[in-house]
């Protein structure tokens, strides 16, 4: 994954991915442009999946105490 793609927020990557899908669905791109757009789309999809998985793991770390008093969070090590 390129450093540029990994620096995007989830929302930015998803927005760019949606634009690529619309462009490819419209069929207005040349073959070379379509291939490049598809390649970029795969990169952005992977970035979004990685961010979603990280978020899912962070949410799973939230645990409630047995007496129901308050939520406790544990640090999440992404490595």
PDB file of N, CA and C in Angstrom:
ATOM      1  N   UNK A   1       0.846  -1.177   0.000  1.00  0.00           N
ATOM      2  CA  UNK A   1       0.000   0.000   0.000  1.00  0.00           C
ATOM      3  C   UNK A   1       0.887   1.234   0.000  1.00  0.00           C
ATOM      4  N   UNK A   2       0.526   2.203  -0.788  1.00  0.00           N
ATOM      5  CA  UNK A   2       1.344   3.404  -0.867  1.00  0.00           C
ATOM      6  C   UNK A   2       1.220   4.232   0.403  1.00  0.00           C
ATOM      7  N   UNK A   3       2.253   5.002   0.675  1.00  0.00           N
ATOM      8  CA  UNK A   3       2.238   5.875   1.849  1.00  0.00           C
ATOM      9  C   UNK A   3       1.124   6.909   1.732  1.00  0.00           C
ATOM     10  N   UNK A   4       0.848   7.333   0.517  1.00  0.00           N
ATOM     11  CA  UNK A   4      -0.218   8.320   0.307  1.00  0.00           C
ATOM     12  C   UNK A   4      -1.568   7.755   0.687  1.00  0.00           C
ATOM     13  N   UNK A   5      -1.838   6.523   0.306  1.00  0.00           N
ATOM     14  CA  UNK A   5      -3.119   5.891   0.623  1.00  0.00           C
ATOM     15  C   UNK A   5      -3.250   5.666   2.117  1.00  0.00           C
ATOM     16  N   UNK A   6      -2.186   5.265   2.771  1.00  0.00           N
ATOM     17  CA  UNK A   6      -2.257   4.997   4.206  1.00  0.00           C
ATOM     18  C   UNK A   6      -2.375   6.271   5.026  1.00  0.00           C
ATOM     19  N   UNK A   7      -2.087   7.421   4.430  1.00  0.00           N
ATOM     20  CA  UNK A   7      -2.228   8.681   5.164  1.00  0.00           C
ATOM     21  C   UNK A   7      -3.656   9.228   5.097  1.00  0.00           C
ATOM     22  N   UNK A   8      -4.489   8.643   4.245  1.00  0.00           N
ATOM     23  CA  UNK A   8      -5.876   9.093   4.137  1.00  0.00           C
ATOM     24  C   UNK A   8      -6.696   8.613   5.326  1.00  0.00           C
ATOM     25  N   UNK A   9      -7.677   9.404   5.712  1.00  0.00           N
ATOM     26  CA  UNK A   9      -8.618   8.934   6.716  1.00  0.00           C
ATOM     27  C   UNK A   9      -9.528   7.909   6.052  1.00  0.00           C
ATOM     28  N   UNK A  10     -10.260   7.169   6.867  1.00  0.00           N
ATOM     29  CA  UNK A  10     -11.207   6.200   6.331  1.00  0.00           C
ATOM     30  C   UNK A  10     -12.200   6.888   5.412  1.00  0.00           C
ATOM     31  N   UNK A  11     -12.712   8.023   5.855  1.00  0.00           N
ATOM     32  CA  UNK A  11     -13.722   8.748   5.082  1.00  0.00           C
ATOM     33  C   UNK A  11     -13.170   9.240   3.748  1.00  0.00           C
ATOM     34  N   UNK A  12     -11.930   9.712   3.740  1.00  0.00           N
ATOM     35  CA  UNK A  12     -11.310  10.175   2.500  1.00  0.00           C
ATOM     36  C   UNK A  12     -11.104   9.013   1.532  1.00  0.00           C
ATOM     37  N   UNK A  13     -10.611   7.898   2.046  1.00  0.00           N
ATOM     38  CA  UNK A  13     -10.383   6.726   1.198  1.00  0.00           C
ATOM     39  C   UNK A  13     -11.691   6.202   0.629  1.00  0.00           C
ATOM     40  N   UNK A  14     -12.732   6.151   1.461  1.00  0.00           N
ATOM     41  CA  UNK A  14     -14.032   5.671   1.002  1.00  0.00           C
ATOM     42  C   UNK A  14     -14.620   6.599  -0.050  1.00  0.00           C
ATOM     43  N   UNK A  15     -14.490   7.894   0.145  1.00  0.00           N
ATOM     44  CA  UNK A  15     -15.006   8.862  -0.819  1.00  0.00           C
ATOM     45  C   UNK A  15     -14.305   8.719  -2.172  1.00  0.00           C
ATOM     46  N   UNK A  16     -12.990   8.588  -2.140  1.00  0.00           N
ATOM     47  CA  UNK A  16     -12.241   8.421  -3.394  1.00  0.00           C
ATOM     48  C   UNK A  16     -12.614   7.103  -4.061  1.00  0.00           C
ATOM     49  N   UNK A  17     -12.788   6.061  -3.267  1.00  0.00           N
ATOM     50  CA  UNK A  17     -13.183   4.766  -3.804  1.00  0.00           C
ATOM     51  C   UNK A  17     -14.560   4.859  -4.469  1.00  0.00           C
ATOM     52  N   UNK A  18     -15.491   5.561  -3.864  1.00  0.00           N
ATOM     53  CA  UNK A  18     -16.823   5.745  -4.448  1.00  0.00           C
ATOM     54  C   UNK A  18     -16.738   6.489  -5.781  1.00  0.00           C
ATOM     55  N   UNK A  19     -15.858   7.486  -5.863  1.00  0.00           N
ATOM     56  CA  UNK A  19     -15.679   8.234  -7.115  1.00  0.00           C
ATOM     57  C   UNK A  19     -15.118   7.328  -8.207  1.00  0.00           C
ATOM     58  N   UNK A  20     -14.191   6.476  -7.837  1.00  0.00           N
ATOM     59  CA  UNK A  20     -13.601   5.550  -8.809  1.00  0.00           C
ATOM     60  C   UNK A  20     -14.662   4.587  -9.325  1.00  0.00           C
ATOM     61  N   UNK A  21     -15.481   4.053  -8.426  1.00  0.00           N
ATOM     62  CA  UNK A  21     -16.532   3.117  -8.827  1.00  0.00           C
ATOM     63  C   UNK A  21     -17.503   3.799  -9.794  1.00  0.00           C
ATOM     64  N   UNK A  22     -17.893   5.030  -9.483  1.00  0.00           N
ATOM     65  CA  UNK A  22     -18.807   5.768 -10.370  1.00  0.00           C
ATOM     66  C   UNK A  22     -18.186   5.978 -11.742  1.00  0.00           C
ATOM     67  N   UNK A  23     -16.905   6.323 -11.764  1.00  0.00           N
ATOM     68  CA  UNK A  23     -16.202   6.547 -13.031  1.00  0.00           C
ATOM     69  C   UNK A  23     -16.151   5.264 -13.852  1.00  0.00           C
ATOM     70  N   UNK A  24     -15.838   4.147 -13.191  1.00  0.00           N
ATOM     71  CA  UNK A  24     -15.753   2.879 -13.910  1.00  0.00           C
ATOM     72  C   UNK A  24     -17.130   2.407 -14.372  1.00  0.00           C
ATOM     73  N   UNK A  25     -18.149   2.622 -13.547  1.00  0.00           N
ATOM     74  CA  UNK A  25     -19.499   2.220 -13.934  1.00  0.00           C
ATOM     75  C   UNK A  25     -20.022   3.041 -15.108  1.00  0.00           C
ATOM     76  N   UNK A  26     -19.603   4.299 -15.190  1.00  0.00           N
ATOM     77  CA  UNK A  26     -20.040   5.167 -16.282  1.00  0.00           C
ATOM     78  C   UNK A  26     -19.425   4.734 -17.605  1.00  0.00           C
ATOM     79  N   UNK A  27     -18.271   4.076 -17.558  1.00  0.00           N
ATOM     80  CA  UNK A  27     -17.627   3.585 -18.763  1.00  0.00           C
ATOM     81  C   UNK A  27     -16.973   4.668 -19.599  1.00  0.00           C
ATOM     82  N   UNK A  28     -16.698   5.805 -18.991  1.00  0.00           N
ATOM     83  CA  UNK A  28     -16.118   6.931 -19.720  1.00  0.00           C
ATOM     84  C   UNK A  28     -14.595   6.908 -19.784  1.00  0.00           C
ATOM     85  N   UNK A  29     -13.963   5.976 -19.100  1.00  0.00           N
ATOM     86  CA  UNK A  29     -12.507   5.960 -19.029  1.00  0.00           C
ATOM     87  C   UNK A  29     -11.919   5.096 -20.149  1.00  0.00           C
ATOM     88  N   UNK A  30     -10.752   5.508 -20.600  1.00  0.00           N
ATOM     89  CA  UNK A  30     -10.026   4.668 -21.560  1.00  0.00           C
ATOM     90  C   UNK A  30      -9.584   3.401 -20.833  1.00  0.00           C
ATOM     91  N   UNK A  31      -9.137   2.425 -21.590  1.00  0.00           N
ATOM     92  CA  UNK A  31      -8.707   1.165 -20.985  1.00  0.00           C
ATOM     93  C   UNK A  31      -7.579   1.395 -19.985  1.00  0.00           C
ATOM     94  N   UNK A  32      -6.578   2.186 -20.367  1.00  0.00           N
ATOM     95  CA  UNK A  32      -5.456   2.451 -19.463  1.00  0.00           C
ATOM     96  C   UNK A  32      -5.924   3.174 -18.199  1.00  0.00           C
ATOM     97  N   UNK A  33      -6.802   4.167 -18.366  1.00  0.00           N
ATOM     98  CA  UNK A  33      -7.334   4.889 -17.208  1.00  0.00           C
ATOM     99  C   UNK A  33      -8.149   3.963 -16.316  1.00  0.00           C
ATOM    100  N   UNK A  34      -8.914   3.076 -16.922  1.00  0.00           N
ATOM    101  CA  UNK A  34      -9.737   2.139 -16.161  1.00  0.00           C
ATOM    102  C   UNK A  34      -8.855   1.183 -15.360  1.00  0.00           C
ATOM    103  N   UNK A  35      -7.785   0.713 -15.962  1.00  0.00           N
ATOM    104  CA  UNK A  35      -6.861  -0.187 -15.263  1.00  0.00           C
ATOM    105  C   UNK A  35      -6.204   0.535 -14.092  1.00  0.00           C
ATOM    106  N   UNK A  36      -5.752   1.759 -14.321  1.00  0.00           N
ATOM    107  CA  UNK A  36      -5.137   2.540 -13.242  1.00  0.00           C
ATOM    108  C   UNK A  36      -6.145   2.831 -12.134  1.00  0.00           C
ATOM    109  N   UNK A  37      -7.374   3.170 -12.514  1.00  0.00           N
ATOM    110  CA  UNK A  37      -8.416   3.449 -11.525  1.00  0.00           C
ATOM    111  C   UNK A  37      -8.738   2.194 -10.727  1.00  0.00           C
ATOM    112  N   UNK A  38      -8.812   1.055 -11.397  1.00  0.00           N
ATOM    113  CA  UNK A  38      -9.088  -0.209 -10.724  1.00  0.00           C
ATOM    114  C   UNK A  38      -7.983  -0.534  -9.720  1.00  0.00           C
ATOM    115  N   UNK A  39      -6.742  -0.330 -10.125  1.00  0.00           N
ATOM    116  CA  UNK A  39      -5.608  -0.578  -9.240  1.00  0.00           C
ATOM    117  C   UNK A  39      -5.669   0.320  -8.006  1.00  0.00           C
ATOM    118  N   UNK A  40      -5.959   1.583  -8.223  1.00  0.00           N
ATOM    119  CA  UNK A  40      -6.097   2.530  -7.105  1.00  0.00           C
ATOM    120  C   UNK A  40      -7.285   2.124  -6.220  1.00  0.00           C
ATOM    121  N   UNK A  41      -8.353   1.678  -6.831  1.00  0.00           N
ATOM    122  CA  UNK A  41      -9.527   1.246  -6.080  1.00  0.00           C
ATOM    123  C   UNK A  41      -9.222   0.079  -5.159  1.00  0.00           C
ATOM    124  N   UNK A  42      -8.454  -0.882  -5.654  1.00  0.00           N
ATOM    125  CA  UNK A  42      -8.050  -2.030  -4.829  1.00  0.00           C
ATOM    126  C   UNK A  42      -7.229  -1.547  -3.636  1.00  0.00           C
ATOM    127  N   UNK A  43      -6.322  -0.624  -3.888  1.00  0.00           N
ATOM    128  CA  UNK A  43      -5.492  -0.072  -2.818  1.00  0.00           C
ATOM    129  C   UNK A  43      -6.361   0.620  -1.761  1.00  0.00           C
ATOM    130  N   UNK A  44      -7.331   1.405  -2.212  1.00  0.00           N
ATOM    131  CA  UNK A  44      -8.219   2.106  -1.285  1.00  0.00           C
ATOM    132  C   UNK A  44      -9.132   1.139  -0.535  1.00  0.00           C
ATOM    133  N   UNK A  45      -9.613   0.105  -1.223  1.00  0.00           N
ATOM    134  CA  UNK A  45     -10.453  -0.908  -0.573  1.00  0.00           C
ATOM    135  C   UNK A  45      -9.682  -1.597   0.546  1.00  0.00           C
ATOM    136  N   UNK A  46      -8.435  -1.938   0.266  1.00  0.00           N
ATOM    137  CA  UNK A  46      -7.600  -2.578   1.287  1.00  0.00           C
ATOM    138  C   UNK A  46      -7.368  -1.649   2.474  1.00  0.00           C
ATOM    139  N   UNK A  47      -7.161  -0.372   2.196  1.00  0.00           N
ATOM    140  CA  UNK A  47      -6.980   0.624   3.259  1.00  0.00           C
ATOM    141  C   UNK A  47      -8.236   0.702   4.120  1.00  0.00           C
ATOM    142  N   UNK A  48      -9.398   0.751   3.492  1.00  0.00           N
ATOM    143  CA  UNK A  48     -10.662   0.823   4.237  1.00  0.00           C
ATOM    144  C   UNK A  48     -10.861  -0.439   5.073  1.00  0.00           C
ATOM    145  N   UNK A  49     -10.589  -1.598   4.508  1.00  0.00           N
ATOM    146  CA  UNK A  49     -10.727  -2.851   5.249  1.00  0.00           C
ATOM    147  C   UNK A  49      -9.807  -2.885   6.459  1.00  0.00           C
ATOM    148  N   UNK A  50      -8.590  -2.417   6.277  1.00  0.00           N
ATOM    149  CA  UNK A  50      -7.623  -2.400   7.368  1.00  0.00           C
ATOM    150  C   UNK A  50      -8.104  -1.473   8.493  1.00  0.00           C
ATOM    151  N   UNK A  51      -8.602  -0.306   8.122  1.00  0.00           N
ATOM    152  CA  UNK A  51      -9.105   0.642   9.135  1.00  0.00           C
ATOM    153  C   UNK A  51     -10.331   0.087   9.855  1.00  0.00           C
ATOM    154  N   UNK A  52     -11.224  -0.560   9.118  1.00  0.00           N
ATOM    155  CA  UNK A  52     -12.415  -1.140   9.742  1.00  0.00           C
ATOM    156  C   UNK A  52     -12.042  -2.269  10.694  1.00  0.00           C
ATOM    157  N   UNK A  53     -11.100  -3.094  10.313  1.00  0.00           N
ATOM    158  CA  UNK A  53     -10.661  -4.188  11.185  1.00  0.00           C
ATOM    159  C   UNK A  53     -10.024  -3.631  12.456  1.00  0.00           C
ATOM    160  N   UNK A  54      -9.220  -2.597  12.313  1.00  0.00           N
ATOM    161  CA  UNK A  54      -8.613  -1.967  13.478  1.00  0.00           C
ATOM    162  C   UNK A  54      -9.687  -1.396  14.403  1.00  0.00           C
ATOM    163  N   UNK A  55     -10.689  -0.752  13.832  1.00  0.00           N
ATOM    164  CA  UNK A  55     -11.780  -0.200  14.630  1.00  0.00           C
ATOM    165  C   UNK A  55     -12.555  -1.317  15.325  1.00  0.00           C
ATOM    166  N   UNK A  56     -12.801  -2.409  14.625  1.00  0.00           N
ATOM    167  CA  UNK A  56     -13.517  -3.540  15.211  1.00  0.00           C
ATOM    168  C   UNK A  56     -12.763  -4.093  16.413  1.00  0.00           C
ATOM    169  N   UNK A  57     -11.464  -4.245  16.282  1.00  0.00           N
ATOM    170  CA  UNK A  57     -10.649  -4.761  17.380  1.00  0.00           C
ATOM    171  C   UNK A  57     -10.643  -3.803  18.563  1.00  0.00           C
ATOM    172  N   UNK A  58     -10.624  -2.508  18.284  1.00  0.00           N
ATOM    173  CA  UNK A  58     -10.667  -1.524  19.367  1.00  0.00           C
ATOM    174  C   UNK A  58     -11.989  -1.594  20.109  1.00  0.00           C
ATOM    175  N   UNK A  59     -13.079  -1.739  19.379  1.00  0.00           N
ATOM    176  CA  UNK A  59     -14.399  -1.834  20.002  1.00  0.00           C
ATOM    177  C   UNK A  59     -14.481  -3.087  20.863  1.00  0.00           C
ATOM    178  N   UNK A  60     -13.905  -4.178  20.391  1.00  0.00           N
ATOM    179  CA  UNK A  60     -13.923  -5.417  21.171  1.00  0.00           C
ATOM    180  C   UNK A  60     -13.170  -5.287  22.482  1.00  0.00           C
ATOM    181  N   UNK A  61     -12.249  -4.338  22.569  1.00  0.00           N
ATOM    182  CA  UNK A  61     -11.488  -4.133  23.791  1.00  0.00           C
ATOM    183  C   UNK A  61     -12.307  -3.432  24.875  1.00  0.00           C
ATOM    184  N   UNK A  62     -13.421  -2.838  24.504  1.00  0.00           N
ATOM    185  CA  UNK A  62     -14.253  -2.164  25.496  1.00  0.00           C
ATOM    186  C   UNK A  62     -14.986  -3.234  26.292  1.00  0.00           C
ATOM    187  N   UNK A  63     -14.783  -3.205  27.575  1.00  0.00           N
ATOM    188  CA  UNK A  63     -15.408  -4.204  28.426  1.00  0.00           C
ATOM    189  C   UNK A  63     -16.172  -3.511  29.545  1.00  0.00           C
ATOM    190  N   UNK A  64     -17.316  -4.051  29.901  1.00  0.00           N
ATOM    191  CA  UNK A  64     -18.106  -3.511  30.992  1.00  0.00           C
ATOM    192  C   UNK A  64     -17.788  -4.284  32.263  1.00  0.00           C
ATOM    193  N   UNK A  65     -17.754  -3.559  33.382  1.00  0.00           N
ATOM    194  CA  UNK A  65     -17.485  -4.218  34.659  1.00  0.00           C
ATOM    195  C   UNK A  65     -18.653  -5.128  35.017  1.00  0.00           C
ATOM    196  N   UNK A  66     -18.388  -6.131  35.833  1.00  0.00           N
ATOM    197  CA  UNK A  66     -19.420  -7.095  36.193  1.00  0.00           C
ATOM    198  C   UNK A  66     -20.519  -6.479  37.046  1.00  0.00           C
ATOM    199  N   UNK A  67     -20.210  -5.424  37.804  1.00  0.00           N
ATOM    200  CA  UNK A  67     -21.241  -4.786  38.626  1.00  0.00           C
ATOM    201  C   UNK A  67     -22.038  -3.750  37.844  1.00  0.00           C
ATOM    202  N   UNK A  68     -21.710  -3.554  36.569  1.00  0.00           N
ATOM    203  CA  UNK A  68     -22.456  -2.639  35.704  1.00  0.00           C
ATOM    204  C   UNK A  68     -22.189  -1.173  35.956  1.00  0.00           C
ATOM    205  N   UNK A  69     -21.123  -0.844  36.680  1.00  0.00           N
ATOM    206  CA  UNK A  69     -20.880   0.552  37.027  1.00  0.00           C
ATOM    207  C   UNK A  69     -20.462   1.411  35.840  1.00  0.00           C
ATOM    208  N   UNK A  70     -19.433   1.048  35.154  1.00  0.00           N
ATOM    209  CA  UNK A  70     -18.994   1.856  34.013  1.00  0.00           C
ATOM    210  C   UNK A  70     -18.153   1.013  33.071  1.00  0.00           C
ATOM    211  N   UNK A  71     -18.009   1.518  31.872  1.00  0.00           N
ATOM    212  CA  UNK A  71     -17.211   0.816  30.864  1.00  0.00           C
ATOM    213  C   UNK A  71     -15.735   1.027  31.145  1.00  0.00           C
ATOM    214  N   UNK A  72     -14.977   0.012  30.886  1.00  0.00           N
ATOM    215  CA  UNK A  72     -13.532   0.066  31.051  1.00  0.00           C
ATOM    216  C   UNK A  72     -12.923  -0.215  29.690  1.00  0.00           C
ATOM    217  N   UNK A  73     -11.914   0.538  29.330  1.00  0.00           N
ATOM    218  CA  UNK A  73     -11.244   0.274  28.064  1.00  0.00           C
ATOM    219  C   UNK A  73      -9.846  -0.233  28.325  1.00  0.00           C
ATOM    220  N   UNK A  74      -9.399  -1.077  27.451  1.00  0.00           N
ATOM    221  CA  UNK A  74      -8.044  -1.575  27.517  1.00  0.00           C
ATOM    222  C   UNK A  74      -7.275  -1.024  26.335  1.00  0.00           C
ATOM    223  N   UNK A  75      -6.011  -0.682  26.497  1.00  0.00           N
ATOM    224  CA  UNK A  75      -5.236  -0.208  25.358  1.00  0.00           C
ATOM    225  C   UNK A  75      -5.181  -1.277  24.279  1.00  0.00           C
ATOM    226  N   UNK A  76      -5.249  -0.852  23.053  1.00  0.00           N
ATOM    227  CA  UNK A  76      -5.206  -1.766  21.922  1.00  0.00           C
ATOM    228  C   UNK A  76      -3.864  -1.640  21.236  1.00  0.00           C
ATOM    229  N   UNK A  77      -3.169  -2.748  21.107  1.00  0.00           N
ATOM    230  CA  UNK A  77      -1.884  -2.774  20.418  1.00  0.00           C
ATOM    231  C   UNK A  77      -2.133  -3.219  18.998  1.00  0.00           C
ATOM    232  N   UNK A  78      -1.983  -2.301  18.033  1.00  0.00           N
ATOM    233  CA  UNK A  78      -2.294  -2.553  16.625  1.00  0.00           C
ATOM    234  C   UNK A  78      -1.237  -3.406  15.937  1.00  0.00           C
ATOM    235  N   UNK A  79      -0.184  -3.699  16.578  1.00  0.00           N
ATOM    236  CA  UNK A  79       0.894  -4.480  15.967  1.00  0.00           C
ATOM    237  C   UNK A  79       0.700  -5.925  16.188  1.00  0.00           C
TER     238      UNK A  79
END
